[in-house]
């Protein structure tokens, strides 16, 4: 992993492989490590860029209030600094917000989109959930983890991996950037690009967990319905976190098939 200074911050990133470029953008409170299980497979055929969002992982932040536009501007400057002219972009949750906004702002750089577990506007229900996230992170990362994890994993996964999740929770709390997470939550409150999704004219996959009760299927269908050249793929027995073990091979194959159709 390497650090580079762009947009008044230091961004931690990893660029590996050769071929067509895929850029992966992680979600709230995660970091680039989230994608490793996918990129370890995909880097055999493609050039893969993963990075930490500002205020996440080993990327720094500043005193500026964070918006989705600011996140996408970081991405734009990172790509310019790395001499990446165009790519396919994949983003989960907050990362999906960022890549859709990026596609609207910089269409010339986007060859395709893979939008996972995301939303194009915040409705009343999502605002209530985000408020719960804020209340959790205000108490600390452990409390935030306990609020958010039931949205990410099915009940059987929570039960099966309960001991491991307890370890992960306290280890993550040691390095969590509380302010970065708080700003990330706030960035979603006023996000609304539904009326501009029609401007996205590249091949797009909208990938949704069938049991996602955070960004539910209705929300994700709205993305697919408003992007003309798009396909909604529903992953069964899955909530908000798509990258659970039994889905990995399927998601790798979906991504590989999608990439094969990108010129």
C-alpha atoms as a PDB file:
ATOM      1  CA  UNK A   1       0.000   0.000   0.000  1.00  0.00           C
ATOM      2  CA  UNK A   2       1.094   3.545  -0.782  1.00  0.00           C
ATOM      3  CA  UNK A   3       0.112   7.036   0.272  1.00  0.00           C
ATOM      4  CA  UNK A   4      -0.307  10.027  -2.024  1.00  0.00           C
ATOM      5  CA  UNK A   5      -1.234  13.650  -1.294  1.00  0.00           C
ATOM      6  CA  UNK A   6      -4.294  14.890  -3.200  1.00  0.00           C
ATOM      7  CA  UNK A   7      -7.031  17.416  -2.444  1.00  0.00           C
ATOM      8  CA  UNK A   8      -5.261  18.571   0.751  1.00  0.00           C
ATOM      9  CA  UNK A   9      -5.233  15.086   2.326  1.00  0.00           C
ATOM     10  CA  UNK A  10      -3.144  11.916   2.210  1.00  0.00           C
ATOM     11  CA  UNK A  11      -4.894   8.946   0.571  1.00  0.00           C
ATOM     12  CA  UNK A  12      -3.852   5.380   1.283  1.00  0.00           C
ATOM     13  CA  UNK A  13      -4.241   3.153  -1.775  1.00  0.00           C
ATOM     14  CA  UNK A  14      -3.162  -0.056  -3.481  1.00  0.00           C
ATOM     15  CA  UNK A  15      -2.848  -0.463  -7.256  1.00  0.00           C
ATOM     16  CA  UNK A  16      -2.176  -3.981  -8.541  1.00  0.00           C
ATOM     17  CA  UNK A  17      -2.564  -6.119 -11.653  1.00  0.00           C
ATOM     18  CA  UNK A  18      -2.704  -5.320 -15.351  1.00  0.00           C
ATOM     19  CA  UNK A  19      -5.417  -4.864 -17.946  1.00  0.00           C
ATOM     20  CA  UNK A  20      -8.695  -2.973 -17.824  1.00  0.00           C
ATOM     21  CA  UNK A  21      -8.986  -0.944 -14.622  1.00  0.00           C
ATOM     22  CA  UNK A  22     -11.551  -1.532 -11.895  1.00  0.00           C
ATOM     23  CA  UNK A  23     -11.792   0.980  -9.038  1.00  0.00           C
ATOM     24  CA  UNK A  24     -13.424  -0.241  -5.823  1.00  0.00           C
ATOM     25  CA  UNK A  25     -14.881   2.233  -3.308  1.00  0.00           C
ATOM     26  CA  UNK A  26     -15.754   0.945   0.174  1.00  0.00           C
ATOM     27  CA  UNK A  27     -18.603   1.913   2.473  1.00  0.00           C
ATOM     28  CA  UNK A  28     -19.012   3.746   5.760  1.00  0.00           C
ATOM     29  CA  UNK A  29     -16.559   2.758   8.532  1.00  0.00           C
ATOM     30  CA  UNK A  30     -14.743   0.266   6.279  1.00  0.00           C
ATOM     31  CA  UNK A  31     -11.405   0.571   4.476  1.00  0.00           C
ATOM     32  CA  UNK A  32      -9.659  -0.847   1.430  1.00  0.00           C
ATOM     33  CA  UNK A  33      -9.189  -4.213   3.158  1.00  0.00           C
ATOM     34  CA  UNK A  34     -12.907  -4.830   2.609  1.00  0.00           C
ATOM     35  CA  UNK A  35     -12.264  -5.545  -1.077  1.00  0.00           C
ATOM     36  CA  UNK A  36      -9.214  -7.823  -0.742  1.00  0.00           C
ATOM     37  CA  UNK A  37     -11.214 -11.055  -1.017  1.00  0.00           C
ATOM     38  CA  UNK A  38     -12.465  -9.883  -4.431  1.00  0.00           C
ATOM     39  CA  UNK A  39      -9.363  -8.134  -5.688  1.00  0.00           C
ATOM     40  CA  UNK A  40      -7.104 -11.099  -4.918  1.00  0.00           C
ATOM     41  CA  UNK A  41      -9.068 -12.933  -7.600  1.00  0.00           C
ATOM     42  CA  UNK A  42      -9.644 -10.090 -10.044  1.00  0.00           C
ATOM     43  CA  UNK A  43      -6.074  -8.748 -10.092  1.00  0.00           C
ATOM     44  CA  UNK A  44      -5.094 -11.811 -12.146  1.00  0.00           C
ATOM     45  CA  UNK A  45      -6.935 -10.353 -15.144  1.00  0.00           C
ATOM     46  CA  UNK A  46      -7.411  -6.642 -14.387  1.00  0.00           C
ATOM     47  CA  UNK A  47      -5.671  -3.627 -12.932  1.00  0.00           C
ATOM     48  CA  UNK A  48      -7.381  -3.028  -9.602  1.00  0.00           C
ATOM     49  CA  UNK A  49      -7.363   0.161  -7.516  1.00  0.00           C
ATOM     50  CA  UNK A  50      -8.558   0.132  -3.911  1.00  0.00           C
ATOM     51  CA  UNK A  51      -8.197   3.019  -1.484  1.00  0.00           C
ATOM     52  CA  UNK A  52      -9.290   4.377   1.893  1.00  0.00           C
ATOM     53  CA  UNK A  53     -11.852   7.169   1.816  1.00  0.00           C
ATOM     54  CA  UNK A  54     -10.860  10.351   3.634  1.00  0.00           C
ATOM     55  CA  UNK A  55     -11.243   9.875   7.372  1.00  0.00           C
ATOM     56  CA  UNK A  56     -11.211   6.083   6.971  1.00  0.00           C
ATOM     57  CA  UNK A  57      -8.444   3.522   7.278  1.00  0.00           C
ATOM     58  CA  UNK A  58      -5.059   5.176   6.823  1.00  0.00           C
ATOM     59  CA  UNK A  59      -6.286   8.130   4.772  1.00  0.00           C
ATOM     60  CA  UNK A  60      -6.295  11.481   6.526  1.00  0.00           C
ATOM     61  CA  UNK A  61      -8.945  14.182   6.563  1.00  0.00           C
ATOM     62  CA  UNK A  62      -9.113  17.884   7.294  1.00  0.00           C
ATOM     63  CA  UNK A  63     -11.533  20.194   9.089  1.00  0.00           C
ATOM     64  CA  UNK A  64     -13.829  20.485   6.073  1.00  0.00           C
ATOM     65  CA  UNK A  65     -17.344  19.092   6.309  1.00  0.00           C
ATOM     66  CA  UNK A  66     -17.597  16.016   4.124  1.00  0.00           C
ATOM     67  CA  UNK A  67     -20.107  15.620   1.296  1.00  0.00           C
ATOM     68  CA  UNK A  68     -20.539  13.009  -1.416  1.00  0.00           C
ATOM     69  CA  UNK A  69     -19.214  15.625  -3.838  1.00  0.00           C
ATOM     70  CA  UNK A  70     -16.040  15.972  -1.755  1.00  0.00           C
ATOM     71  CA  UNK A  71     -15.521  12.204  -1.686  1.00  0.00           C
ATOM     72  CA  UNK A  72     -15.866  12.039  -5.470  1.00  0.00           C
ATOM     73  CA  UNK A  73     -13.492  14.980  -5.909  1.00  0.00           C
ATOM     74  CA  UNK A  74     -10.912  13.041  -3.859  1.00  0.00           C
ATOM     75  CA  UNK A  75     -11.400  10.117  -6.232  1.00  0.00           C
ATOM     76  CA  UNK A  76     -11.073  12.341  -9.297  1.00  0.00           C
ATOM     77  CA  UNK A  77      -7.806  13.822  -8.081  1.00  0.00           C
ATOM     78  CA  UNK A  78      -6.485  10.399  -7.050  1.00  0.00           C
ATOM     79  CA  UNK A  79      -7.118   9.007 -10.541  1.00  0.00           C
ATOM     80  CA  UNK A  80      -5.438  12.009 -12.149  1.00  0.00           C
ATOM     81  CA  UNK A  81      -2.422  11.615  -9.883  1.00  0.00           C
ATOM     82  CA  UNK A  82      -2.173   7.940 -10.860  1.00  0.00           C
ATOM     83  CA  UNK A  83      -2.654   8.692 -14.586  1.00  0.00           C
ATOM     84  CA  UNK A  84      -5.812   6.577 -14.800  1.00  0.00           C
ATOM     85  CA  UNK A  85      -7.916   8.040 -17.602  1.00  0.00           C
ATOM     86  CA  UNK A  86     -10.919   5.711 -17.392  1.00  0.00           C
ATOM     87  CA  UNK A  87     -12.162   2.684 -15.480  1.00  0.00           C
ATOM     88  CA  UNK A  88     -15.076   0.597 -14.350  1.00  0.00           C
ATOM     89  CA  UNK A  89     -16.158   1.673 -10.867  1.00  0.00           C
ATOM     90  CA  UNK A  90     -17.617  -0.557  -8.145  1.00  0.00           C
ATOM     91  CA  UNK A  91     -18.918   0.852  -4.872  1.00  0.00           C
ATOM     92  CA  UNK A  92     -20.784  -0.534  -1.890  1.00  0.00           C
ATOM     93  CA  UNK A  93     -23.273   1.570   0.110  1.00  0.00           C
ATOM     94  CA  UNK A  94     -21.561   4.951   0.619  1.00  0.00           C
ATOM     95  CA  UNK A  95     -19.121   3.861  -2.078  1.00  0.00           C
ATOM     96  CA  UNK A  96     -22.068   3.392  -4.431  1.00  0.00           C
ATOM     97  CA  UNK A  97     -23.206   6.962  -3.743  1.00  0.00           C
ATOM     98  CA  UNK A  98     -19.718   8.175  -4.588  1.00  0.00           C
ATOM     99  CA  UNK A  99     -19.346   6.321  -7.886  1.00  0.00           C
ATOM    100  CA  UNK A 100     -22.787   7.384  -9.121  1.00  0.00           C
ATOM    101  CA  UNK A 101     -21.968  11.010  -8.326  1.00  0.00           C
ATOM    102  CA  UNK A 102     -18.584  10.545  -9.994  1.00  0.00           C
ATOM    103  CA  UNK A 103     -20.229   9.146 -13.139  1.00  0.00           C
ATOM    104  CA  UNK A 104     -22.448  12.234 -13.363  1.00  0.00           C
ATOM    105  CA  UNK A 105     -19.586  14.660 -12.761  1.00  0.00           C
ATOM    106  CA  UNK A 106     -16.932  12.912 -14.897  1.00  0.00           C
ATOM    107  CA  UNK A 107     -18.703  10.739 -17.499  1.00  0.00           C
ATOM    108  CA  UNK A 108     -15.662  10.694 -19.776  1.00  0.00           C
ATOM    109  CA  UNK A 109     -13.758   8.633 -17.183  1.00  0.00           C
ATOM    110  CA  UNK A 110     -16.430   5.985 -16.572  1.00  0.00           C
ATOM    111  CA  UNK A 111     -16.699   2.801 -18.646  1.00  0.00           C
ATOM    112  CA  UNK A 112     -19.193   1.047 -16.392  1.00  0.00           C
ATOM    113  CA  UNK A 113     -20.668   0.951 -12.884  1.00  0.00           C
ATOM    114  CA  UNK A 114     -21.273  -1.791 -10.332  1.00  0.00           C
ATOM    115  CA  UNK A 115     -23.478  -0.235  -7.635  1.00  0.00           C
ATOM    116  CA  UNK A 116     -23.873  -2.427  -4.555  1.00  0.00           C
ATOM    117  CA  UNK A 117     -26.291  -1.955  -1.633  1.00  0.00           C
ATOM    118  CA  UNK A 118     -26.649   1.761  -2.284  1.00  0.00           C
ATOM    119  CA  UNK A 119     -29.256   4.528  -2.602  1.00  0.00           C
ATOM    120  CA  UNK A 120     -29.827   7.531  -4.840  1.00  0.00           C
ATOM    121  CA  UNK A 121     -31.762   9.641  -2.340  1.00  0.00           C
ATOM    122  CA  UNK A 122     -32.352   9.558   1.375  1.00  0.00           C
ATOM    123  CA  UNK A 123     -35.965   9.024   2.363  1.00  0.00           C
ATOM    124  CA  UNK A 124     -37.579   9.348   5.794  1.00  0.00           C
ATOM    125  CA  UNK A 125     -36.863   5.747   6.693  1.00  0.00           C
ATOM    126  CA  UNK A 126     -33.162   5.995   5.801  1.00  0.00           C
ATOM    127  CA  UNK A 127     -32.874   9.264   7.711  1.00  0.00           C
ATOM    128  CA  UNK A 128     -34.172   7.488  10.827  1.00  0.00           C
ATOM    129  CA  UNK A 129     -31.604   4.712  10.403  1.00  0.00           C
ATOM    130  CA  UNK A 130     -28.817   7.242   9.892  1.00  0.00           C
ATOM    131  CA  UNK A 131     -29.944   9.022  13.042  1.00  0.00           C
ATOM    132  CA  UNK A 132     -29.590   5.714  14.911  1.00  0.00           C
ATOM    133  CA  UNK A 133     -26.077   5.381  13.475  1.00  0.00           C
ATOM    134  CA  UNK A 134     -25.226   8.884  14.705  1.00  0.00           C
ATOM    135  CA  UNK A 135     -26.518   8.129  18.183  1.00  0.00           C
ATOM    136  CA  UNK A 136     -24.427   4.969  18.221  1.00  0.00           C
ATOM    137  CA  UNK A 137     -21.161   6.552  17.080  1.00  0.00           C
ATOM    138  CA  UNK A 138     -21.660   9.430  19.534  1.00  0.00           C
ATOM    139  CA  UNK A 139     -21.394   6.798  22.292  1.00  0.00           C
ATOM    140  CA  UNK A 140     -18.374   5.085  20.734  1.00  0.00           C
ATOM    141  CA  UNK A 141     -17.371   2.628  18.031  1.00  0.00           C
ATOM    142  CA  UNK A 142     -18.467  -0.445  19.997  1.00  0.00           C
ATOM    143  CA  UNK A 143     -21.988   0.932  20.322  1.00  0.00           C
ATOM    144  CA  UNK A 144     -21.995   1.949  16.644  1.00  0.00           C
ATOM    145  CA  UNK A 145     -20.910  -1.556  15.635  1.00  0.00           C
ATOM    146  CA  UNK A 146     -23.782  -3.079  17.613  1.00  0.00           C
ATOM    147  CA  UNK A 147     -26.254  -0.799  15.807  1.00  0.00           C
ATOM    148  CA  UNK A 148     -24.965  -1.296  12.279  1.00  0.00           C
ATOM    149  CA  UNK A 149     -24.016  -4.978  12.125  1.00  0.00           C
ATOM    150  CA  UNK A 150     -27.592  -6.365  12.281  1.00  0.00           C
ATOM    151  CA  UNK A 151     -28.248  -4.460   9.044  1.00  0.00           C
ATOM    152  CA  UNK A 152     -25.250  -6.052   7.331  1.00  0.00           C
ATOM    153  CA  UNK A 153     -25.588  -9.771   8.100  1.00  0.00           C
ATOM    154  CA  UNK A 154     -28.469 -12.237   8.203  1.00  0.00           C
ATOM    155  CA  UNK A 155     -29.557 -13.624  11.565  1.00  0.00           C
ATOM    156  CA  UNK A 156     -28.015 -17.027  10.895  1.00  0.00           C
ATOM    157  CA  UNK A 157     -24.678 -15.375  10.027  1.00  0.00           C
ATOM    158  CA  UNK A 158     -24.814 -13.258  13.189  1.00  0.00           C
ATOM    159  CA  UNK A 159     -25.426 -16.344  15.279  1.00  0.00           C
ATOM    160  CA  UNK A 160     -22.856 -18.515  13.516  1.00  0.00           C
ATOM    161  CA  UNK A 161     -20.084 -15.923  13.777  1.00  0.00           C
ATOM    162  CA  UNK A 162     -21.034 -14.245  17.068  1.00  0.00           C
ATOM    163  CA  UNK A 163     -17.704 -14.940  18.795  1.00  0.00           C
ATOM    164  CA  UNK A 164     -15.671 -13.753  15.809  1.00  0.00           C
ATOM    165  CA  UNK A 165     -17.764 -10.599  15.504  1.00  0.00           C
ATOM    166  CA  UNK A 166     -17.089  -9.751  19.150  1.00  0.00           C
ATOM    167  CA  UNK A 167     -13.351  -9.972  18.494  1.00  0.00           C
ATOM    168  CA  UNK A 168     -13.638  -7.939  15.281  1.00  0.00           C
ATOM    169  CA  UNK A 169     -15.674  -5.274  17.074  1.00  0.00           C
ATOM    170  CA  UNK A 170     -13.113  -4.582  19.773  1.00  0.00           C
ATOM    171  CA  UNK A 171     -10.136  -4.814  17.431  1.00  0.00           C
ATOM    172  CA  UNK A 172     -11.769  -2.365  15.003  1.00  0.00           C
ATOM    173  CA  UNK A 173     -12.553   0.001  17.886  1.00  0.00           C
ATOM    174  CA  UNK A 174      -8.823   0.394  18.532  1.00  0.00           C
ATOM    175  CA  UNK A 175      -8.202   2.024  15.155  1.00  0.00           C
ATOM    176  CA  UNK A 176     -11.592   3.477  14.190  1.00  0.00           C
ATOM    177  CA  UNK A 177     -11.666   7.132  13.125  1.00  0.00           C
ATOM    178  CA  UNK A 178     -14.746   8.316  15.005  1.00  0.00           C
ATOM    179  CA  UNK A 179     -14.816  11.761  13.395  1.00  0.00           C
ATOM    180  CA  UNK A 180     -14.429  10.241   9.926  1.00  0.00           C
ATOM    181  CA  UNK A 181     -17.407   7.971  10.532  1.00  0.00           C
ATOM    182  CA  UNK A 182     -19.522  10.833  11.920  1.00  0.00           C
ATOM    183  CA  UNK A 183     -18.782  12.958   8.852  1.00  0.00           C
ATOM    184  CA  UNK A 184     -19.525  10.022   6.573  1.00  0.00           C
ATOM    185  CA  UNK A 185     -22.960   9.585   8.134  1.00  0.00           C
ATOM    186  CA  UNK A 186     -23.741  13.291   7.756  1.00  0.00           C
ATOM    187  CA  UNK A 187     -22.686  13.209   4.086  1.00  0.00           C
ATOM    188  CA  UNK A 188     -25.635  10.979   3.270  1.00  0.00           C
ATOM    189  CA  UNK A 189     -28.395  13.135   4.750  1.00  0.00           C
ATOM    190  CA  UNK A 190     -28.864  15.536   1.842  1.00  0.00           C
ATOM    191  CA  UNK A 191     -27.790  13.167  -0.917  1.00  0.00           C
ATOM    192  CA  UNK A 192     -30.273  13.100  -3.807  1.00  0.00           C
ATOM    193  CA  UNK A 193     -29.270  12.395  -7.401  1.00  0.00           C
ATOM    194  CA  UNK A 194     -32.397  10.553  -8.579  1.00  0.00           C
ATOM    195  CA  UNK A 195     -33.249  13.226 -11.160  1.00  0.00           C
ATOM    196  CA  UNK A 196     -29.704  13.061 -12.576  1.00  0.00           C
ATOM    197  CA  UNK A 197     -29.373   9.293 -12.884  1.00  0.00           C
ATOM    198  CA  UNK A 198     -30.683   9.569 -16.450  1.00  0.00           C
ATOM    199  CA  UNK A 199     -27.374  11.261 -17.300  1.00  0.00           C
ATOM    200  CA  UNK A 200     -25.516   7.989 -16.654  1.00  0.00           C
ATOM    201  CA  UNK A 201     -25.329   6.178 -19.996  1.00  0.00           C
ATOM    202  CA  UNK A 202     -22.730   3.470 -19.344  1.00  0.00           C
ATOM    203  CA  UNK A 203     -23.485  -0.213 -18.648  1.00  0.00           C
ATOM    204  CA  UNK A 204     -24.499  -0.542 -15.000  1.00  0.00           C
ATOM    205  CA  UNK A 205     -25.177  -3.371 -12.599  1.00  0.00           C
ATOM    206  CA  UNK A 206     -27.199  -2.644  -9.461  1.00  0.00           C
ATOM    207  CA  UNK A 207     -26.435  -5.471  -7.039  1.00  0.00           C
ATOM    208  CA  UNK A 208     -28.761  -5.889  -4.046  1.00  0.00           C
ATOM    209  CA  UNK A 209     -29.147  -8.267  -1.130  1.00  0.00           C
ATOM    210  CA  UNK A 210     -32.618  -9.812  -1.150  1.00  0.00           C
ATOM    211  CA  UNK A 211     -32.957  -9.275   2.610  1.00  0.00           C
ATOM    212  CA  UNK A 212     -31.291  -5.849   2.809  1.00  0.00           C
ATOM    213  CA  UNK A 213     -33.346  -3.812   5.259  1.00  0.00           C
ATOM    214  CA  UNK A 214     -31.033  -0.793   5.189  1.00  0.00           C
ATOM    215  CA  UNK A 215     -31.046   0.069   1.475  1.00  0.00           C
ATOM    216  CA  UNK A 216     -34.008  -2.131   0.626  1.00  0.00           C
ATOM    217  CA  UNK A 217     -34.985  -3.441  -2.804  1.00  0.00           C
ATOM    218  CA  UNK A 218     -37.401  -0.570  -3.445  1.00  0.00           C
ATOM    219  CA  UNK A 219     -34.580   1.929  -2.996  1.00  0.00           C
ATOM    220  CA  UNK A 220     -32.235  -0.039  -5.225  1.00  0.00           C
ATOM    221  CA  UNK A 221     -34.843  -0.585  -7.927  1.00  0.00           C
ATOM    222  CA  UNK A 222     -35.151   3.196  -8.099  1.00  0.00           C
ATOM    223  CA  UNK A 223     -31.477   3.336  -9.115  1.00  0.00           C
ATOM    224  CA  UNK A 224     -31.895   0.650 -11.760  1.00  0.00           C
ATOM    225  CA  UNK A 225     -35.137   2.138 -13.097  1.00  0.00           C
ATOM    226  CA  UNK A 226     -33.528   5.537 -13.617  1.00  0.00           C
ATOM    227  CA  UNK A 227     -30.323   4.376 -15.332  1.00  0.00           C
ATOM    228  CA  UNK A 228     -31.279   3.305 -18.838  1.00  0.00           C
ATOM    229  CA  UNK A 229     -28.538   0.763 -19.507  1.00  0.00           C
ATOM    230  CA  UNK A 230     -28.755  -1.050 -16.177  1.00  0.00           C
ATOM    231  CA  UNK A 231     -29.553  -4.450 -14.717  1.00  0.00           C
ATOM    232  CA  UNK A 232     -30.740  -5.257 -11.198  1.00  0.00           C
ATOM    233  CA  UNK A 233     -29.144  -8.404  -9.766  1.00  0.00           C
ATOM    234  CA  UNK A 234     -30.616  -9.690  -6.507  1.00  0.00           C
ATOM    235  CA  UNK A 235     -28.397 -11.826  -4.279  1.00  0.00           C
ATOM    236  CA  UNK A 236     -30.485 -14.255  -2.223  1.00  0.00           C
ATOM    237  CA  UNK A 237     -30.069 -14.902   1.535  1.00  0.00           C
ATOM    238  CA  UNK A 238     -28.063 -11.701   1.895  1.00  0.00           C
ATOM    239  CA  UNK A 239     -28.490  -8.382   3.681  1.00  0.00           C
ATOM    240  CA  UNK A 240     -26.505  -5.160   3.183  1.00  0.00           C
ATOM    241  CA  UNK A 241     -23.047  -6.749   3.195  1.00  0.00           C
ATOM    242  CA  UNK A 242     -22.828  -8.619  -0.103  1.00  0.00           C
ATOM    243  CA  UNK A 243     -19.276  -9.886   0.368  1.00  0.00           C
ATOM    244  CA  UNK A 244     -19.970 -12.825   2.659  1.00  0.00           C
ATOM    245  CA  UNK A 245     -18.185 -16.090   1.956  1.00  0.00           C
ATOM    246  CA  UNK A 246     -20.895 -17.954   0.095  1.00  0.00           C
ATOM    247  CA  UNK A 247     -21.368 -15.025  -2.332  1.00  0.00           C
ATOM    248  CA  UNK A 248     -17.751 -14.394  -3.309  1.00  0.00           C
ATOM    249  CA  UNK A 249     -17.443 -16.793  -6.230  1.00  0.00           C
ATOM    250  CA  UNK A 250     -20.758 -15.572  -7.650  1.00  0.00           C
ATOM    251  CA  UNK A 251     -19.795 -11.893  -7.352  1.00  0.00           C
ATOM    252  CA  UNK A 252     -16.377 -12.542  -8.910  1.00  0.00           C
ATOM    253  CA  UNK A 253     -18.089 -14.268 -11.834  1.00  0.00           C
ATOM    254  CA  UNK A 254     -20.671 -11.480 -12.219  1.00  0.00           C
ATOM    255  CA  UNK A 255     -17.892  -8.879 -12.202  1.00  0.00           C
ATOM    256  CA  UNK A 256     -15.733 -10.851 -14.642  1.00  0.00           C
ATOM    257  CA  UNK A 257     -18.653 -11.318 -17.030  1.00  0.00           C
ATOM    258  CA  UNK A 258     -19.496  -7.603 -16.801  1.00  0.00           C
ATOM    259  CA  UNK A 259     -15.867  -6.638 -17.490  1.00  0.00           C
ATOM    260  CA  UNK A 260     -15.756  -8.899 -20.554  1.00  0.00           C
ATOM    261  CA  UNK A 261     -18.505  -6.783 -22.133  1.00  0.00           C
ATOM    262  CA  UNK A 262     -16.762  -3.455 -21.486  1.00  0.00           C
ATOM    263  CA  UNK A 263     -14.794  -2.145 -24.460  1.00  0.00           C
END
